[in-house]
Structures are given as C-alpha cells and as structure tokens.
Amino acid sequence: MDQTIYLVRHAHANYQADERTRELSERGMKERQLLADYFEGISITAIVSSPYRRAVQTVETVAEKKGLPITCDERFRERLIRKGYIENFTEVVKQMWQNHHSHFLTVNPMK
C-alpha cells in the first residue's frame, strides 16, 4: 500500500517571545485557508502537528473539513536557539548553520 506524507510548514505568524503560544497573523489565517483548499480533493487519514499554537492553527481548517482530529507531537517542535528575544537573529542563525551539527546534537527529539 502506497502512503504519502505531506510536510507543511506553519503559516505566517505574529512575532512574540513565547514560541509555544505565537498565533497566526492575518496573512497566516488566509494562508491556512489556501492550505485547506489545496487538500480539498486529497484523501487524508491523519493530521499530526507540532504542539505550537501557530502550527495547530495552520492545520485546523484542514482538520475541520476532513473531520479529523489533530494529534500533537512534541517531536515536531522547533529547536530552541536561545531563550528570550534575539536582537541579532540573522547573525545567530548564520552562526548556527556554520556549525549545524553542534546545534542538532543538543536537541533530544524524544523528550
């Protein structure tokens, strides 16, 4: 039996320091409707999401239209680069990717 897995990044979100509770922006709400439209004619048997609010909001419309529950899985959360606001975010990300193995090794996706 063939199985297709769709990986979808969350829609546009408003910035706030608490990553877990960030919500979709007005633009993100429109994007999630486009996502629901995209999946309209596609058979889906399960929806798994990061527990972060913006990720759940992104797939809510798809779940409602398909009559499916959203299963949240901590392994889909984002990596924590630093706690709190990052003033020089672009520079921090650049440094992270220059030494990406050290950052991946500090994350335990099974927690």
N, C-alpha and C. Protein backbone atom coordinates (compact mmCIF):
# COMPACT_ATOMS: atom_id res chain seq x y z
N MET A 1 0.83 -1.18 0.00
CA MET A 1 0.00 0.00 0.00
C MET A 1 0.89 1.25 0.00
N ASP A 2 0.68 2.12 -0.96
CA ASP A 2 1.42 3.37 -1.02
C ASP A 2 0.90 4.35 0.03
N GLN A 3 1.81 5.12 0.55
CA GLN A 3 1.44 6.11 1.55
C GLN A 3 2.18 7.41 1.23
N THR A 4 1.48 8.51 1.28
CA THR A 4 2.08 9.81 1.03
C THR A 4 2.05 10.62 2.32
N ILE A 5 3.18 11.20 2.64
CA ILE A 5 3.27 12.06 3.82
C ILE A 5 3.53 13.49 3.34
N TYR A 6 2.69 14.41 3.77
CA TYR A 6 2.83 15.82 3.42
C TYR A 6 3.43 16.55 4.62
N LEU A 7 4.52 17.24 4.40
CA LEU A 7 5.12 18.07 5.45
C LEU A 7 4.79 19.52 5.14
N VAL A 8 4.14 20.18 6.07
CA VAL A 8 3.67 21.55 5.86
C VAL A 8 4.24 22.45 6.95
N ARG A 9 4.87 23.50 6.53
CA ARG A 9 5.37 24.49 7.50
C ARG A 9 4.19 25.35 7.94
N HIS A 10 4.23 25.82 9.18
CA HIS A 10 3.15 26.66 9.68
C HIS A 10 3.00 27.91 8.82
N ALA A 11 1.81 28.46 8.79
CA ALA A 11 1.54 29.70 8.06
C ALA A 11 2.19 30.88 8.78
N HIS A 12 2.14 32.04 8.17
CA HIS A 12 2.77 33.24 8.73
C HIS A 12 2.22 33.54 10.12
N ALA A 13 3.13 33.81 11.05
CA ALA A 13 2.72 34.06 12.44
C ALA A 13 3.22 35.42 12.91
N ASN A 14 2.51 35.98 13.87
CA ASN A 14 2.94 37.21 14.53
C ASN A 14 4.12 36.88 15.43
N TYR A 15 5.04 37.83 15.58
CA TYR A 15 6.19 37.59 16.45
C TYR A 15 5.81 37.88 17.90
N GLN A 16 6.25 36.98 18.77
CA GLN A 16 6.22 37.20 20.21
C GLN A 16 7.25 36.28 20.81
N ALA A 17 7.73 36.59 21.98
CA ALA A 17 8.83 35.85 22.59
C ALA A 17 8.47 34.41 22.91
N ASP A 18 7.23 34.14 23.30
CA ASP A 18 6.84 32.78 23.67
C ASP A 18 6.52 31.98 22.41
N GLU A 19 7.45 31.12 22.01
CA GLU A 19 7.29 30.33 20.79
C GLU A 19 6.06 29.42 20.82
N ARG A 20 5.73 28.90 21.98
CA ARG A 20 4.61 27.95 22.07
C ARG A 20 3.25 28.59 21.81
N THR A 21 3.10 29.86 22.15
CA THR A 21 1.78 30.48 22.06
C THR A 21 1.64 31.47 20.91
N ARG A 22 2.68 31.63 20.09
CA ARG A 22 2.58 32.54 18.94
C ARG A 22 1.41 32.12 18.06
N GLU A 23 0.63 33.10 17.64
CA GLU A 23 -0.54 32.82 16.81
C GLU A 23 -0.32 33.29 15.39
N LEU A 24 -1.16 32.79 14.50
CA LEU A 24 -1.09 33.20 13.10
C LEU A 24 -1.47 34.66 12.96
N SER A 25 -0.84 35.31 12.02
CA SER A 25 -1.18 36.69 11.68
C SER A 25 -2.41 36.66 10.76
N GLU A 26 -2.87 37.83 10.38
CA GLU A 26 -3.98 37.91 9.43
C GLU A 26 -3.59 37.22 8.12
N ARG A 27 -2.36 37.46 7.69
CA ARG A 27 -1.86 36.79 6.48
C ARG A 27 -1.85 35.27 6.66
N GLY A 28 -1.43 34.81 7.84
CA GLY A 28 -1.39 33.38 8.12
C GLY A 28 -2.77 32.74 8.09
N MET A 29 -3.78 33.48 8.55
CA MET A 29 -5.16 32.96 8.51
C MET A 29 -5.61 32.75 7.06
N LYS A 30 -5.19 33.64 6.18
CA LYS A 30 -5.52 33.48 4.75
C LYS A 30 -4.75 32.30 4.17
N GLU A 31 -3.50 32.15 4.58
CA GLU A 31 -2.67 31.04 4.08
C GLU A 31 -3.24 29.69 4.51
N ARG A 32 -3.78 29.61 5.72
CA ARG A 32 -4.32 28.32 6.16
C ARG A 32 -5.57 27.95 5.36
N GLN A 33 -6.31 28.95 4.90
CA GLN A 33 -7.46 28.67 4.03
C GLN A 33 -6.97 28.14 2.69
N LEU A 34 -5.89 28.69 2.17
CA LEU A 34 -5.30 28.19 0.92
C LEU A 34 -4.84 26.74 1.09
N LEU A 35 -4.32 26.42 2.26
CA LEU A 35 -3.90 25.05 2.55
C LEU A 35 -5.11 24.12 2.54
N ALA A 36 -6.19 24.54 3.17
CA ALA A 36 -7.42 23.73 3.18
C ALA A 36 -7.94 23.53 1.76
N ASP A 37 -7.88 24.57 0.95
CA ASP A 37 -8.30 24.46 -0.45
C ASP A 37 -7.42 23.46 -1.20
N TYR A 38 -6.12 23.49 -0.94
CA TYR A 38 -5.18 22.60 -1.60
C TYR A 38 -5.52 21.13 -1.30
N PHE A 39 -5.83 20.83 -0.05
CA PHE A 39 -6.09 19.45 0.36
C PHE A 39 -7.54 19.01 0.13
N GLU A 40 -8.37 19.87 -0.41
CA GLU A 40 -9.78 19.55 -0.57
C GLU A 40 -10.03 18.23 -1.30
N GLY A 41 -9.36 17.98 -2.39
CA GLY A 41 -9.58 16.75 -3.16
C GLY A 41 -8.62 15.63 -2.84
N ILE A 42 -7.87 15.77 -1.77
CA ILE A 42 -6.85 14.78 -1.41
C ILE A 42 -7.32 14.00 -0.18
N SER A 43 -7.20 12.68 -0.25
CA SER A 43 -7.58 11.83 0.87
C SER A 43 -6.50 11.89 1.95
N ILE A 44 -6.92 12.22 3.16
CA ILE A 44 -6.01 12.30 4.30
C ILE A 44 -6.57 11.42 5.41
N THR A 45 -5.69 10.63 6.04
CA THR A 45 -6.15 9.74 7.10
C THR A 45 -5.71 10.19 8.50
N ALA A 46 -4.74 11.10 8.57
CA ALA A 46 -4.27 11.57 9.87
C ALA A 46 -3.61 12.94 9.72
N ILE A 47 -3.70 13.73 10.78
CA ILE A 47 -3.03 15.03 10.83
C ILE A 47 -2.23 15.08 12.13
N VAL A 48 -0.91 15.25 11.98
CA VAL A 48 -0.02 15.35 13.13
C VAL A 48 0.63 16.72 13.08
N SER A 49 0.69 17.39 14.21
CA SER A 49 1.19 18.76 14.26
C SER A 49 2.13 18.96 15.44
N SER A 50 2.96 19.96 15.30
CA SER A 50 3.70 20.48 16.44
C SER A 50 2.66 20.97 17.45
N PRO A 51 2.98 20.95 18.73
CA PRO A 51 2.03 21.47 19.71
C PRO A 51 1.98 22.99 19.74
N TYR A 52 2.87 23.65 19.01
CA TYR A 52 2.89 25.11 19.00
C TYR A 52 1.60 25.64 18.39
N ARG A 53 1.07 26.68 18.98
CA ARG A 53 -0.24 27.22 18.59
C ARG A 53 -0.32 27.55 17.11
N ARG A 54 0.70 28.18 16.54
CA ARG A 54 0.66 28.56 15.13
C ARG A 54 0.60 27.35 14.21
N ALA A 55 1.23 26.26 14.61
CA ALA A 55 1.19 25.04 13.80
C ALA A 55 -0.20 24.41 13.84
N VAL A 56 -0.77 24.35 15.03
CA VAL A 56 -2.12 23.80 15.17
C VAL A 56 -3.12 24.66 14.39
N GLN A 57 -3.01 25.98 14.54
CA GLN A 57 -3.92 26.87 13.81
C GLN A 57 -3.81 26.64 12.30
N THR A 58 -2.61 26.37 11.81
CA THR A 58 -2.40 26.18 10.37
C THR A 58 -3.21 25.01 9.84
N VAL A 59 -3.29 23.92 10.60
CA VAL A 59 -3.98 22.73 10.09
C VAL A 59 -5.42 22.59 10.58
N GLU A 60 -5.89 23.49 11.43
CA GLU A 60 -7.26 23.39 11.97
C GLU A 60 -8.32 23.34 10.88
N THR A 61 -8.22 24.20 9.88
CA THR A 61 -9.24 24.24 8.83
C THR A 61 -9.24 22.95 8.03
N VAL A 62 -8.06 22.42 7.74
CA VAL A 62 -7.97 21.13 7.03
C VAL A 62 -8.64 20.05 7.88
N ALA A 63 -8.31 20.01 9.17
CA ALA A 63 -8.87 19.00 10.07
C ALA A 63 -10.39 19.10 10.14
N GLU A 64 -10.91 20.31 10.24
CA GLU A 64 -12.36 20.50 10.30
C GLU A 64 -13.03 20.01 9.02
N LYS A 65 -12.48 20.37 7.87
CA LYS A 65 -13.07 19.97 6.59
C LYS A 65 -13.00 18.46 6.39
N LYS A 66 -11.95 17.83 6.89
CA LYS A 66 -11.77 16.38 6.72
C LYS A 66 -12.42 15.58 7.86
N GLY A 67 -12.85 16.26 8.91
CA GLY A 67 -13.44 15.56 10.05
C GLY A 67 -12.41 14.72 10.80
N LEU A 68 -11.18 15.24 10.87
CA LEU A 68 -10.10 14.50 11.52
C LEU A 68 -9.61 15.24 12.76
N PRO A 69 -9.17 14.49 13.77
CA PRO A 69 -8.56 15.15 14.93
C PRO A 69 -7.12 15.56 14.59
N ILE A 70 -6.60 16.50 15.34
CA ILE A 70 -5.20 16.90 15.20
C ILE A 70 -4.43 16.26 16.34
N THR A 71 -3.46 15.44 16.01
CA THR A 71 -2.61 14.81 17.02
C THR A 71 -1.35 15.66 17.17
N CYS A 72 -1.12 16.17 18.37
CA CYS A 72 0.08 16.98 18.60
C CYS A 72 1.22 16.08 19.06
N ASP A 73 2.39 16.31 18.49
CA ASP A 73 3.57 15.51 18.79
C ASP A 73 4.74 16.45 19.09
N GLU A 74 5.28 16.34 20.29
CA GLU A 74 6.38 17.21 20.72
C GLU A 74 7.60 17.11 19.81
N ARG A 75 7.77 15.99 19.11
CA ARG A 75 8.93 15.84 18.23
C ARG A 75 8.89 16.76 17.03
N PHE A 76 7.75 17.43 16.80
CA PHE A 76 7.63 18.38 15.70
C PHE A 76 7.85 19.83 16.15
N ARG A 77 8.29 20.03 17.36
CA ARG A 77 8.51 21.40 17.84
C ARG A 77 9.80 21.96 17.24
N GLU A 78 9.96 23.28 17.35
CA GLU A 78 11.16 23.92 16.84
C GLU A 78 12.29 23.79 17.85
N ARG A 79 13.49 23.88 17.33
CA ARG A 79 14.65 23.88 18.22
C ARG A 79 14.73 25.22 18.93
N LEU A 80 15.15 25.20 20.16
CA LEU A 80 15.33 26.43 20.92
C LEU A 80 16.75 26.93 20.69
N ILE A 81 16.87 28.06 20.03
CA ILE A 81 18.19 28.63 19.76
C ILE A 81 18.70 29.34 21.01
N ARG A 82 17.86 30.16 21.58
CA ARG A 82 18.14 30.91 22.81
C ARG A 82 16.83 31.23 23.49
N LYS A 83 16.89 31.42 24.78
CA LYS A 83 15.68 31.86 25.49
C LYS A 83 15.54 33.36 25.34
N GLY A 84 14.31 33.81 25.19
CA GLY A 84 14.06 35.24 25.12
C GLY A 84 14.26 35.83 23.74
N TYR A 85 14.16 37.13 23.67
CA TYR A 85 14.27 37.86 22.40
C TYR A 85 15.70 37.83 21.89
N ILE A 86 15.87 37.62 20.59
CA ILE A 86 17.19 37.60 19.96
C ILE A 86 17.33 38.88 19.13
N GLU A 87 18.18 39.77 19.58
CA GLU A 87 18.35 41.06 18.91
C GLU A 87 18.93 40.90 17.51
N ASN A 88 19.94 40.06 17.36
CA ASN A 88 20.63 39.88 16.08
C ASN A 88 20.32 38.49 15.50
N PHE A 89 19.06 38.23 15.27
CA PHE A 89 18.58 36.91 14.87
C PHE A 89 19.29 36.38 13.62
N THR A 90 19.45 37.22 12.59
CA THR A 90 20.10 36.79 11.35
C THR A 90 21.51 36.29 11.61
N GLU A 91 22.25 36.99 12.42
CA GLU A 91 23.62 36.59 12.74
C GLU A 91 23.64 35.28 13.53
N VAL A 92 22.73 35.12 14.46
CA VAL A 92 22.66 33.89 15.25
C VAL A 92 22.35 32.70 14.35
N VAL A 93 21.42 32.86 13.44
CA VAL A 93 21.07 31.77 12.52
C VAL A 93 22.25 31.45 11.61
N LYS A 94 22.94 32.47 11.13
CA LYS A 94 24.11 32.26 10.26
C LYS A 94 25.16 31.43 11.01
N GLN A 95 25.43 31.78 12.25
CA GLN A 95 26.40 31.03 13.06
C GLN A 95 25.93 29.61 13.31
N MET A 96 24.64 29.45 13.54
CA MET A 96 24.08 28.13 13.79
C MET A 96 24.33 27.21 12.60
N TRP A 97 24.10 27.71 11.40
CA TRP A 97 24.26 26.87 10.20
C TRP A 97 25.72 26.64 9.85
N GLN A 98 26.62 27.51 10.29
CA GLN A 98 28.05 27.27 10.06
C GLN A 98 28.54 26.09 10.89
N ASN A 99 27.88 25.85 12.00
CA ASN A 99 28.25 24.73 12.87
C ASN A 99 26.98 23.97 13.23
N HIS A 100 26.24 23.55 12.21
CA HIS A 100 24.91 22.97 12.42
C HIS A 100 24.90 21.67 13.21
N HIS A 101 25.96 20.88 13.15
CA HIS A 101 25.96 19.60 13.87
C HIS A 101 25.88 19.80 15.38
N SER A 102 26.56 20.79 15.90
CA SER A 102 26.53 21.02 17.34
C SER A 102 25.13 21.39 17.81
N HIS A 103 24.39 22.12 16.98
CA HIS A 103 23.03 22.51 17.36
C HIS A 103 22.07 21.33 17.30
N PHE A 104 22.25 20.48 16.30
CA PHE A 104 21.36 19.33 16.20
C PHE A 104 21.63 18.34 17.33
N LEU A 105 22.87 18.23 17.75
CA LEU A 105 23.21 17.29 18.81
C LEU A 105 22.68 17.73 20.16
N THR A 106 22.37 19.00 20.32
CA THR A 106 21.87 19.47 21.61
C THR A 106 20.37 19.29 21.76
N VAL A 107 19.72 18.80 20.73
CA VAL A 107 18.26 18.64 20.76
C VAL A 107 17.93 17.17 20.93
N ASN A 108 17.10 16.86 21.89
CA ASN A 108 16.64 15.49 22.07
C ASN A 108 15.20 15.43 21.61
N PRO A 109 14.93 14.95 20.37
CA PRO A 109 13.57 14.93 19.86
C PRO A 109 12.67 13.93 20.57
N MET A 110 13.22 13.07 21.39
CA MET A 110 12.42 12.05 22.08
C MET A 110 11.94 12.53 23.44
N LYS A 111 12.31 13.73 23.85
CA LYS A 111 11.86 14.25 25.15
C LYS A 111 10.41 14.57 25.13
